[in-house]
Amino acid sequence: MNIRIKLAAIVMATYSSIAMAENFPVLPQLDTYKVPESWRQPVAPLKIADNTWQIGTQGITSLLLKGKEGAILIDGGMEQTAEHLLGNMRRLGIAPTDLKLILHSHAHADHIGPLAELKRITGAQVVTNAESAVLMARGGANDIHFADQILYPSVNADRILHNGEQVVLGDLRLRVHFIPGHTPGSMAWTWQDTVDSKVIDIAYVDSLTAPGYQLVNNLRYPDIVQDYRVSFERVRKLPCDLLITPHAGASGWVFHDTAKRERALSCEEYADKASKSLEKKLVNNSK
């Protein structure tokens, strides 16, 4: 029996080393929603902290948190990434049924595209807030800013959160922070992990941008500017030793063979940069 166990361990170790070194082909482009190649270029599992891994693509973050009672996924990327995410989970020793909870940043197709498929395969519960749940249930249709331009397979929420609520899975404890603006349901997540035996506060903070948004006299979202400003202040105050964002480059991350930061950005700096950009847009809109 001991010999069999040792042989199995050798085979798994060999498989893991091969898988980590694999050159992944770029995922196919969707006709309905064309995005940069980096958003579709898979990477092998990249370690962020002892229990926090990036398992998505070069340009889009998908975080897997490994705990004693199962795993949590935060964001899934584009719709065509489902099989890649499941493969990376297996490389980390996480079977599909080990995934217990699926969280996300906001309900746009480039971050929750595969969640319906992942929920179907794994049986994991989708946890979100009321604003995002409505948009997710209709597959992105009737979006405030994009109408029906960016659609994805609809997914129903299993649990609706309030601002500041905790999500707990065994030894994994996360807190949600509502930061509306980029979408009315945008969220940040904070938790603790360890790096080199040191406990750190990790903040996964949603996009704070307003790409082509109507900021003045927006009848669909009258309080959009006020929401952004409240969110900037909320982000500045997050526990934030290590900032990660849904679009990796927004917080200085580069995901290739390793996960590294070209520049270290704090939550306060991230919010300040977004605030300056918003105010500049408002000045230009008023001219």
C-alpha atoms as a PDB file:
ATOM      1  CA  MET A   1       0.000   0.000   0.000  1.00  0.00           C
ATOM      2  CA  ASN A   2       2.828   2.407   0.870  1.00  0.00           C
ATOM      3  CA  ILE A   3       4.481   1.729  -2.482  1.00  0.00           C
ATOM      4  CA  ARG A   4       1.230   2.518  -4.306  1.00  0.00           C
ATOM      5  CA  ILE A   5       0.851   5.771  -2.405  1.00  0.00           C
ATOM      6  CA  LYS A   6       4.425   6.766  -3.235  1.00  0.00           C
ATOM      7  CA  LEU A   7       3.928   5.932  -6.925  1.00  0.00           C
ATOM      8  CA  ALA A   8       0.714   7.950  -7.004  1.00  0.00           C
ATOM      9  CA  ALA A   9       2.497  10.916  -5.420  1.00  0.00           C
ATOM     10  CA  ILE A  10       5.290  10.727  -8.019  1.00  0.00           C
ATOM     11  CA  VAL A  11       2.767  10.620 -10.872  1.00  0.00           C
ATOM     12  CA  MET A  12       0.832  13.610  -9.473  1.00  0.00           C
ATOM     13  CA  ALA A  13       4.026  15.619  -8.949  1.00  0.00           C
ATOM     14  CA  THR A  14       5.133  14.882 -12.509  1.00  0.00           C
ATOM     15  CA  TYR A  15       1.715  15.864 -13.885  1.00  0.00           C
ATOM     16  CA  SER A  16       1.722  19.096 -11.899  1.00  0.00           C
ATOM     17  CA  SER A  17       5.155  20.127 -13.165  1.00  0.00           C
ATOM     18  CA  ILE A  18       4.121  19.409 -16.750  1.00  0.00           C
ATOM     19  CA  ALA A  19       0.844  21.291 -16.336  1.00  0.00           C
ATOM     20  CA  MET A  20       2.513  24.335 -14.818  1.00  0.00           C
ATOM     21  CA  ALA A  21       4.966  24.484 -17.733  1.00  0.00           C
ATOM     22  CA  GLU A  22       2.280  24.058 -20.394  1.00  0.00           C
ATOM     23  CA  ASN A  23       1.916  26.686 -23.093  1.00  0.00           C
ATOM     24  CA  PHE A  24      -1.790  27.496 -23.175  1.00  0.00           C
ATOM     25  CA  PRO A  25      -3.387  28.410 -26.508  1.00  0.00           C
ATOM     26  CA  VAL A  26      -5.306  31.673 -26.608  1.00  0.00           C
ATOM     27  CA  LEU A  27      -9.011  31.127 -25.970  1.00  0.00           C
ATOM     28  CA  PRO A  28     -11.371  31.823 -28.904  1.00  0.00           C
ATOM     29  CA  GLN A  29     -12.797  35.267 -29.552  1.00  0.00           C
ATOM     30  CA  LEU A  30     -16.552  35.697 -29.053  1.00  0.00           C
ATOM     31  CA  ASP A  31     -18.295  37.263 -32.028  1.00  0.00           C
ATOM     32  CA  THR A  32     -20.635  39.190 -29.752  1.00  0.00           C
ATOM     33  CA  TYR A  33     -17.996  40.675 -27.448  1.00  0.00           C
ATOM     34  CA  LYS A  34     -14.483  41.180 -28.800  1.00  0.00           C
ATOM     35  CA  VAL A  35     -11.808  41.804 -26.175  1.00  0.00           C
ATOM     36  CA  PRO A  36      -7.991  42.143 -26.027  1.00  0.00           C
ATOM     37  CA  GLU A  37      -5.946  38.969 -26.377  1.00  0.00           C
ATOM     38  CA  SER A  38      -4.520  39.323 -22.852  1.00  0.00           C
ATOM     39  CA  TRP A  39      -8.062  38.876 -21.493  1.00  0.00           C
ATOM     40  CA  ARG A  40      -8.182  35.511 -23.284  1.00  0.00           C
ATOM     41  CA  GLN A  41      -4.611  34.302 -22.689  1.00  0.00           C
ATOM     42  CA  PRO A  42      -4.721  31.663 -19.930  1.00  0.00           C
ATOM     43  CA  VAL A  43      -1.979  31.330 -17.344  1.00  0.00           C
ATOM     44  CA  ALA A  44      -1.039  28.483 -15.029  1.00  0.00           C
ATOM     45  CA  PRO A  45      -1.963  28.900 -11.352  1.00  0.00           C
ATOM     46  CA  LEU A  46       0.037  31.815  -9.932  1.00  0.00           C
ATOM     47  CA  LYS A  47       0.577  32.174  -6.205  1.00  0.00           C
ATOM     48  CA  ILE A  48      -0.411  35.524  -4.687  1.00  0.00           C
ATOM     49  CA  ALA A  49      -0.296  34.449  -1.022  1.00  0.00           C
ATOM     50  CA  ASP A  50      -0.264  31.126   0.804  1.00  0.00           C
ATOM     51  CA  ASN A  51      -3.962  30.431   0.165  1.00  0.00           C
ATOM     52  CA  THR A  52      -4.685  32.914  -2.632  1.00  0.00           C
ATOM     53  CA  TRP A  53      -4.049  32.036  -6.281  1.00  0.00           C
ATOM     54  CA  GLN A  54      -4.614  33.748  -9.618  1.00  0.00           C
ATOM     55  CA  ILE A  55      -6.053  31.116 -11.977  1.00  0.00           C
ATOM     56  CA  GLY A  56      -7.478  33.275 -14.774  1.00  0.00           C
ATOM     57  CA  THR A  57      -5.799  34.980 -17.714  1.00  0.00           C
ATOM     58  CA  GLN A  58      -2.999  37.465 -18.221  1.00  0.00           C
ATOM     59  CA  GLY A  59      -5.320  40.460 -18.230  1.00  0.00           C
ATOM     60  CA  ILE A  60      -8.296  39.369 -16.125  1.00  0.00           C
ATOM     61  CA  THR A  61      -8.071  38.247 -12.506  1.00  0.00           C
ATOM     62  CA  SER A  62      -9.835  35.147 -11.215  1.00  0.00           C
ATOM     63  CA  LEU A  63      -8.867  34.402  -7.629  1.00  0.00           C
ATOM     64  CA  LEU A  64      -9.066  30.997  -5.984  1.00  0.00           C
ATOM     65  CA  LEU A  65      -8.946  30.914  -2.185  1.00  0.00           C
ATOM     66  CA  LYS A  66      -8.060  27.506  -0.756  1.00  0.00           C
ATOM     67  CA  GLY A  67      -9.402  26.606   2.682  1.00  0.00           C
ATOM     68  CA  LYS A  68      -9.694  23.555   4.913  1.00  0.00           C
ATOM     69  CA  GLU A  69     -13.396  23.112   4.091  1.00  0.00           C
ATOM     70  CA  GLY A  70     -13.271  23.906   0.393  1.00  0.00           C
ATOM     71  CA  ALA A  71     -12.473  26.712  -2.005  1.00  0.00           C
ATOM     72  CA  ILE A  72     -13.887  30.102  -2.988  1.00  0.00           C
ATOM     73  CA  LEU A  73     -13.670  31.631  -6.467  1.00  0.00           C
ATOM     74  CA  ILE A  74     -13.801  35.403  -6.946  1.00  0.00           C
ATOM     75  CA  ASP A  75     -14.543  36.352 -10.583  1.00  0.00           C
ATOM     76  CA  GLY A  76     -14.358  34.075 -13.584  1.00  0.00           C
ATOM     77  CA  GLY A  77     -13.360  36.267 -16.508  1.00  0.00           C
ATOM     78  CA  MET A  78     -14.798  35.764 -19.971  1.00  0.00           C
ATOM     79  CA  GLU A  79     -17.448  33.153 -20.772  1.00  0.00           C
ATOM     80  CA  GLN A  80     -14.960  30.911 -22.621  1.00  0.00           C
ATOM     81  CA  THR A  81     -12.685  30.478 -19.565  1.00  0.00           C
ATOM     82  CA  ALA A  82     -14.778  27.896 -17.681  1.00  0.00           C
ATOM     83  CA  GLU A  83     -12.770  24.809 -18.667  1.00  0.00           C
ATOM     84  CA  HIS A  84      -9.477  26.603 -18.088  1.00  0.00           C
ATOM     85  CA  LEU A  85     -10.516  27.612 -14.577  1.00  0.00           C
ATOM     86  CA  LEU A  86     -11.583  24.067 -13.736  1.00  0.00           C
ATOM     87  CA  GLY A  87      -8.273  22.771 -15.072  1.00  0.00           C
ATOM     88  CA  ASN A  88      -6.297  25.202 -12.934  1.00  0.00           C
ATOM     89  CA  MET A  89      -8.336  24.214  -9.896  1.00  0.00           C
ATOM     90  CA  ARG A  90      -7.409  20.582 -10.491  1.00  0.00           C
ATOM     91  CA  ARG A  91      -3.750  21.563 -10.785  1.00  0.00           C
ATOM     92  CA  LEU A  92      -4.062  23.003  -7.297  1.00  0.00           C
ATOM     93  CA  GLY A  93      -5.729  19.869  -5.967  1.00  0.00           C
ATOM     94  CA  ILE A  94      -9.241  21.358  -6.013  1.00  0.00           C
ATOM     95  CA  ALA A  95     -11.888  19.050  -7.486  1.00  0.00           C
ATOM     96  CA  PRO A  96     -15.000  20.687  -8.979  1.00  0.00           C
ATOM     97  CA  THR A  97     -17.076  19.668  -5.953  1.00  0.00           C
ATOM     98  CA  ASP A  98     -14.507  21.303  -3.636  1.00  0.00           C
ATOM     99  CA  LEU A  99     -15.561  24.718  -4.945  1.00  0.00           C
ATOM    100  CA  LYS A 100     -18.225  25.841  -2.486  1.00  0.00           C
ATOM    101  CA  LEU A 101     -18.735  29.570  -3.118  1.00  0.00           C
ATOM    102  CA  ILE A 102     -18.505  31.868  -6.132  1.00  0.00           C
ATOM    103  CA  LEU A 103     -18.124  35.607  -5.501  1.00  0.00           C
ATOM    104  CA  HIS A 104     -17.455  38.429  -7.946  1.00  0.00           C
ATOM    105  CA  SER A 105     -16.562  42.094  -8.378  1.00  0.00           C
ATOM    106  CA  HIS A 106     -19.281  43.337 -10.759  1.00  0.00           C
ATOM    107  CA  ALA A 107     -21.785  41.841 -13.164  1.00  0.00           C
ATOM    108  CA  HIS A 108     -20.173  42.493 -16.551  1.00  0.00           C
ATOM    109  CA  ALA A 109     -19.376  39.713 -19.021  1.00  0.00           C
ATOM    110  CA  ASP A 110     -15.593  40.014 -18.710  1.00  0.00           C
ATOM    111  CA  HIS A 111     -15.745  39.020 -15.042  1.00  0.00           C
ATOM    112  CA  ILE A 112     -18.725  36.703 -14.612  1.00  0.00           C
ATOM    113  CA  GLY A 113     -19.085  35.233 -18.096  1.00  0.00           C
ATOM    114  CA  PRO A 114     -18.518  31.574 -17.034  1.00  0.00           C
ATOM    115  CA  LEU A 115     -20.282  31.638 -13.671  1.00  0.00           C
ATOM    116  CA  ALA A 116     -23.433  29.888 -14.901  1.00  0.00           C
ATOM    117  CA  GLU A 117     -21.354  27.017 -16.308  1.00  0.00           C
ATOM    118  CA  LEU A 118     -19.150  26.826 -13.209  1.00  0.00           C
ATOM    119  CA  LYS A 119     -22.190  26.765 -10.950  1.00  0.00           C
ATOM    120  CA  ARG A 120     -23.746  23.975 -13.035  1.00  0.00           C
ATOM    121  CA  ILE A 121     -20.610  21.814 -12.958  1.00  0.00           C
ATOM    122  CA  THR A 122     -19.478  22.416  -9.363  1.00  0.00           C
ATOM    123  CA  GLY A 123     -22.730  23.021  -7.489  1.00  0.00           C
ATOM    124  CA  ALA A 124     -21.117  26.044  -5.831  1.00  0.00           C
ATOM    125  CA  GLN A 125     -23.360  28.788  -4.454  1.00  0.00           C
ATOM    126  CA  VAL A 126     -23.257  32.211  -6.107  1.00  0.00           C
ATOM    127  CA  VAL A 127     -23.038  35.030  -3.572  1.00  0.00           C
ATOM    128  CA  THR A 128     -23.678  38.643  -4.602  1.00  0.00           C
ATOM    129  CA  ASN A 129     -25.700  41.762  -3.790  1.00  0.00           C
ATOM    130  CA  ALA A 130     -29.180  42.749  -4.945  1.00  0.00           C
ATOM    131  CA  GLU A 131     -28.046  45.186  -7.647  1.00  0.00           C
ATOM    132  CA  SER A 132     -25.758  42.647  -9.289  1.00  0.00           C
ATOM    133  CA  ALA A 133     -28.230  39.782  -8.873  1.00  0.00           C
ATOM    134  CA  VAL A 134     -30.803  41.551 -11.056  1.00  0.00           C
ATOM    135  CA  LEU A 135     -28.337  42.091 -13.910  1.00  0.00           C
ATOM    136  CA  MET A 136     -26.931  38.555 -13.605  1.00  0.00           C
ATOM    137  CA  ALA A 137     -30.385  37.005 -13.757  1.00  0.00           C
ATOM    138  CA  ARG A 138     -31.062  38.667 -17.111  1.00  0.00           C
ATOM    139  CA  GLY A 139     -27.635  37.799 -18.514  1.00  0.00           C
ATOM    140  CA  GLY A 140     -26.399  41.386 -18.693  1.00  0.00           C
ATOM    141  CA  ALA A 141     -29.391  42.623 -20.698  1.00  0.00           C
ATOM    142  CA  ASN A 142     -30.695  46.170 -20.192  1.00  0.00           C
ATOM    143  CA  ASP A 143     -27.411  47.320 -18.689  1.00  0.00           C
ATOM    144  CA  ILE A 144     -27.458  50.992 -17.629  1.00  0.00           C
ATOM    145  CA  HIS A 145     -24.527  51.932 -19.848  1.00  0.00           C
ATOM    146  CA  PHE A 146     -24.271  49.153 -22.461  1.00  0.00           C
ATOM    147  CA  ALA A 147     -27.937  48.238 -23.029  1.00  0.00           C
ATOM    148  CA  ASP A 148     -27.888  44.743 -24.641  1.00  0.00           C
ATOM    149  CA  GLN A 149     -24.398  44.954 -26.141  1.00  0.00           C
ATOM    150  CA  ILE A 150     -22.588  42.718 -23.628  1.00  0.00           C
ATOM    151  CA  LEU A 151     -24.532  39.583 -22.796  1.00  0.00           C
ATOM    152  CA  TYR A 152     -23.620  36.334 -21.043  1.00  0.00           C
ATOM    153  CA  PRO A 153     -25.373  33.160 -19.789  1.00  0.00           C
ATOM    154  CA  SER A 154     -27.732  34.188 -17.005  1.00  0.00           C
ATOM    155  CA  VAL A 155     -27.033  32.992 -13.486  1.00  0.00           C
ATOM    156  CA  ASN A 156     -29.199  33.142 -10.362  1.00  0.00           C
ATOM    157  CA  ALA A 157     -27.846  34.159  -6.979  1.00  0.00           C
ATOM    158  CA  ASP A 158     -28.065  31.816  -3.993  1.00  0.00           C
ATOM    159  CA  ARG A 159     -27.328  34.432  -1.349  1.00  0.00           C
ATOM    160  CA  ILE A 160     -27.859  38.209  -1.279  1.00  0.00           C
ATOM    161  CA  LEU A 161     -25.429  40.295   0.770  1.00  0.00           C
ATOM    162  CA  HIS A 162     -25.631  43.603   2.600  1.00  0.00           C
ATOM    163  CA  ASN A 163     -22.732  46.039   2.761  1.00  0.00           C
ATOM    164  CA  GLY A 164     -20.129  45.005   5.331  1.00  0.00           C
ATOM    165  CA  GLU A 165     -21.424  41.445   5.662  1.00  0.00           C
ATOM    166  CA  GLN A 166     -19.010  38.543   6.131  1.00  0.00           C
ATOM    167  CA  VAL A 167     -18.788  35.433   3.982  1.00  0.00           C
ATOM    168  CA  VAL A 168     -17.319  32.488   5.895  1.00  0.00           C
ATOM    169  CA  LEU A 169     -16.207  29.075   4.692  1.00  0.00           C
ATOM    170  CA  GLY A 170     -14.325  27.263   7.444  1.00  0.00           C
ATOM    171  CA  ASP A 171     -11.067  29.137   7.955  1.00  0.00           C
ATOM    172  CA  LEU A 172     -11.750  31.512   5.042  1.00  0.00           C
ATOM    173  CA  ARG A 173     -13.340  34.786   6.147  1.00  0.00           C
ATOM    174  CA  LEU A 174     -14.082  37.576   3.703  1.00  0.00           C
ATOM    175  CA  ARG A 175     -15.890  40.882   4.116  1.00  0.00           C
ATOM    176  CA  VAL A 176     -17.785  42.608   1.322  1.00  0.00           C
ATOM    177  CA  HIS A 177     -17.678  46.374   0.769  1.00  0.00           C
ATOM    178  CA  PHE A 178     -20.156  47.959  -1.642  1.00  0.00           C
ATOM    179  CA  ILE A 179     -18.442  50.457  -3.960  1.00  0.00           C
ATOM    180  CA  PRO A 180     -21.072  51.472  -6.551  1.00  0.00           C
ATOM    181  CA  GLY A 181     -20.047  53.506  -9.572  1.00  0.00           C
ATOM    182  CA  HIS A 182     -18.557  51.320 -12.275  1.00  0.00           C
ATOM    183  CA  THR A 183     -21.802  49.419 -11.806  1.00  0.00           C
ATOM    184  CA  PRO A 184     -24.479  50.007  -9.155  1.00  0.00           C
ATOM    185  CA  GLY A 185     -23.551  46.599  -7.694  1.00  0.00           C
ATOM    186  CA  SER A 186     -19.752  46.916  -7.702  1.00  0.00           C
ATOM    187  CA  MET A 187     -18.000  45.321  -4.726  1.00  0.00           C
ATOM    188  CA  ALA A 188     -14.644  45.042  -2.990  1.00  0.00           C
ATOM    189  CA  TRP A 189     -13.583  42.050  -0.912  1.00  0.00           C
ATOM    190  CA  THR A 190     -11.100  41.968   1.955  1.00  0.00           C
ATOM    191  CA  TRP A 191      -9.555  39.034   3.817  1.00  0.00           C
ATOM    192  CA  GLN A 192      -6.365  37.978   5.548  1.00  0.00           C
ATOM    193  CA  ASP A 193      -3.736  35.574   4.270  1.00  0.00           C
ATOM    194  CA  THR A 194      -0.051  34.946   4.932  1.00  0.00           C
ATOM    195  CA  VAL A 195       3.079  35.639   2.904  1.00  0.00           C
ATOM    196  CA  ASP A 196       6.413  34.400   4.265  1.00  0.00           C
ATOM    197  CA  SER A 197       4.673  33.604   7.583  1.00  0.00           C
ATOM    198  CA  LYS A 198       3.441  37.201   7.870  1.00  0.00           C
ATOM    199  CA  VAL A 199      -0.295  37.940   8.100  1.00  0.00           C
ATOM    200  CA  ILE A 200      -1.394  40.492   5.505  1.00  0.00           C
ATOM    201  CA  ASP A 201      -4.667  42.211   4.581  1.00  0.00           C
ATOM    202  CA  ILE A 202      -5.636  41.584   0.975  1.00  0.00           C
ATOM    203  CA  ALA A 203      -8.113  43.859  -0.802  1.00  0.00           C
ATOM    204  CA  TYR A 204      -9.677  42.805  -4.093  1.00  0.00           C
ATOM    205  CA  VAL A 205     -11.208  46.043  -5.321  1.00  0.00           C
ATOM    206  CA  ASP A 206     -13.512  46.434  -8.289  1.00  0.00           C
ATOM    207  CA  SER A 207     -12.868  48.803 -11.190  1.00  0.00           C
ATOM    208  CA  LEU A 208     -13.338  52.486 -10.383  1.00  0.00           C
ATOM    209  CA  THR A 209     -13.361  53.660 -13.990  1.00  0.00           C
ATOM    210  CA  ALA A 210     -16.184  55.276 -15.985  1.00  0.00           C
ATOM    211  CA  PRO A 211     -15.455  54.171 -19.576  1.00  0.00           C
ATOM    212  CA  GLY A 212     -17.602  56.361 -21.822  1.00  0.00           C
ATOM    213  CA  TYR A 213     -20.263  56.698 -19.141  1.00  0.00           C
ATOM    214  CA  GLN A 214     -22.759  59.541 -19.083  1.00  0.00           C
ATOM    215  CA  LEU A 215     -21.931  61.197 -15.768  1.00  0.00           C
ATOM    216  CA  VAL A 216     -24.191  64.264 -15.991  1.00  0.00           C
ATOM    217  CA  ASN A 217     -27.995  64.043 -16.255  1.00  0.00           C
ATOM    218  CA  ASN A 218     -27.968  60.255 -16.447  1.00  0.00           C
ATOM    219  CA  LEU A 219     -31.650  59.415 -16.033  1.00  0.00           C
ATOM    220  CA  ARG A 220     -30.896  55.703 -15.561  1.00  0.00           C
ATOM    221  CA  TYR A 221     -28.358  56.394 -12.809  1.00  0.00           C
ATOM    222  CA  PRO A 222     -28.968  59.898 -11.374  1.00  0.00           C
ATOM    223  CA  ASP A 223     -26.616  59.447  -8.389  1.00  0.00           C
ATOM    224  CA  ILE A 224     -23.696  58.021 -10.323  1.00  0.00           C
ATOM    225  CA  VAL A 225     -21.215  60.791  -9.470  1.00  0.00           C
ATOM    226  CA  GLN A 226     -22.201  60.815  -5.805  1.00  0.00           C
ATOM    227  CA  ASP A 227     -21.834  57.024  -5.700  1.00  0.00           C
ATOM    228  CA  TYR A 228     -18.349  57.187  -7.194  1.00  0.00           C
ATOM    229  CA  ARG A 229     -17.230  59.765  -4.637  1.00  0.00           C
ATOM    230  CA  VAL A 230     -18.576  57.744  -1.721  1.00  0.00           C
ATOM    231  CA  SER A 231     -16.874  54.648  -3.114  1.00  0.00           C
ATOM    232  CA  PHE A 232     -13.523  56.406  -3.503  1.00  0.00           C
ATOM    233  CA  GLU A 233     -13.615  57.302   0.188  1.00  0.00           C
ATOM    234  CA  ARG A 234     -14.626  53.776   1.138  1.00  0.00           C
ATOM    235  CA  VAL A 235     -11.759  52.263  -0.874  1.00  0.00           C
ATOM    236  CA  ARG A 236      -9.240  54.622   0.739  1.00  0.00           C
ATOM    237  CA  LYS A 237     -10.139  53.200   4.154  1.00  0.00           C
ATOM    238  CA  LEU A 238      -9.991  49.488   3.307  1.00  0.00           C
ATOM    239  CA  PRO A 239      -7.502  47.220   5.123  1.00  0.00           C
ATOM    240  CA  CYS A 240      -5.059  46.955   2.255  1.00  0.00           C
ATOM    241  CA  ASP A 241      -1.532  45.606   2.559  1.00  0.00           C
ATOM    242  CA  LEU A 242      -1.920  44.063  -0.890  1.00  0.00           C
ATOM    243  CA  LEU A 243      -4.228  45.437  -3.587  1.00  0.00           C
ATOM    244  CA  ILE A 244      -5.557  43.269  -6.427  1.00  0.00           C
ATOM    245  CA  THR A 245      -8.000  44.411  -9.116  1.00  0.00           C
ATOM    246  CA  PRO A 246     -10.199  42.611 -11.688  1.00  0.00           C
ATOM    247  CA  HIS A 247      -8.101  44.096 -14.510  1.00  0.00           C
ATOM    248  CA  ALA A 248      -4.617  43.112 -13.397  1.00  0.00           C
ATOM    249  CA  GLY A 249      -2.751  46.128 -14.774  1.00  0.00           C
ATOM    250  CA  ALA A 250      -4.968  48.600 -12.912  1.00  0.00           C
ATOM    251  CA  SER A 251      -3.160  47.693  -9.691  1.00  0.00           C
ATOM    252  CA  GLY A 252       0.261  47.097 -11.227  1.00  0.00           C
ATOM    253  CA  TRP A 253       0.073  43.308 -11.526  1.00  0.00           C
ATOM    254  CA  VAL A 254       1.624  41.305 -14.350  1.00  0.00           C
ATOM    255  CA  PHE A 255       0.445  37.709 -14.733  1.00  0.00           C
ATOM    256  CA  HIS A 256       2.720  35.564 -16.901  1.00  0.00           C
ATOM    257  CA  ASP A 257       5.006  32.813 -15.594  1.00  0.00           C
ATOM    258  CA  THR A 258       4.746  34.365 -12.138  1.00  0.00           C
ATOM    259  CA  ALA A 259       2.510  36.902 -10.428  1.00  0.00           C
ATOM    260  CA  LYS A 260       4.470  40.081  -9.854  1.00  0.00           C
ATOM    261  CA  ARG A 261       3.814  43.764  -9.455  1.00  0.00           C
ATOM    262  CA  GLU A 262       5.586  46.203 -11.748  1.00  0.00           C
ATOM    263  CA  ARG A 263       4.543  48.899  -9.305  1.00  0.00           C
ATOM    264  CA  ALA A 264       3.068  48.655  -5.820  1.00  0.00           C
ATOM    265  CA  LEU A 265      -0.204  50.550  -5.602  1.00  0.00           C
ATOM    266  CA  SER A 266      -2.087  51.136  -2.351  1.00  0.00           C
ATOM    267  CA  CYS A 267      -5.868  51.320  -2.063  1.00  0.00           C
ATOM    268  CA  GLU A 268      -5.564  55.022  -1.305  1.00  0.00           C
ATOM    269  CA  GLU A 269      -3.490  55.645  -4.434  1.00  0.00           C
ATOM    270  CA  TYR A 270      -5.897  53.558  -6.506  1.00  0.00           C
ATOM    271  CA  ALA A 271      -8.862  55.639  -5.303  1.00  0.00           C
ATOM    272  CA  ASP A 272      -7.001  58.943  -5.722  1.00  0.00           C
ATOM    273  CA  LYS A 273      -6.107  58.119  -9.320  1.00  0.00           C
ATOM    274  CA  ALA A 274      -9.717  57.205 -10.125  1.00  0.00           C
ATOM    275  CA  SER A 275     -11.011  60.332  -8.392  1.00  0.00           C
ATOM    276  CA  LYS A 276      -8.763  62.610 -10.447  1.00  0.00           C
ATOM    277  CA  SER A 277      -9.887  60.888 -13.642  1.00  0.00           C
ATOM    278  CA  LEU A 278     -13.562  61.291 -12.734  1.00  0.00           C
ATOM    279  CA  GLU A 279     -13.240  64.964 -11.870  1.00  0.00           C
ATOM    280  CA  LYS A 280     -11.399  65.578 -15.154  1.00  0.00           C
ATOM    281  CA  LYS A 281     -14.236  63.917 -17.064  1.00  0.00           C
ATOM    282  CA  LEU A 282     -16.771  66.108 -15.260  1.00  0.00           C
ATOM    283  CA  VAL A 283     -14.849  69.277 -16.146  1.00  0.00           C
ATOM    284  CA  ASN A 284     -14.654  68.230 -19.799  1.00  0.00           C
ATOM    285  CA  ASN A 285     -18.369  67.400 -19.851  1.00  0.00           C
ATOM    286  CA  SER A 286     -19.234  70.854 -18.547  1.00  0.00           C
ATOM    287  CA  LYS A 287     -17.396  72.693 -21.323  1.00  0.00           C
END
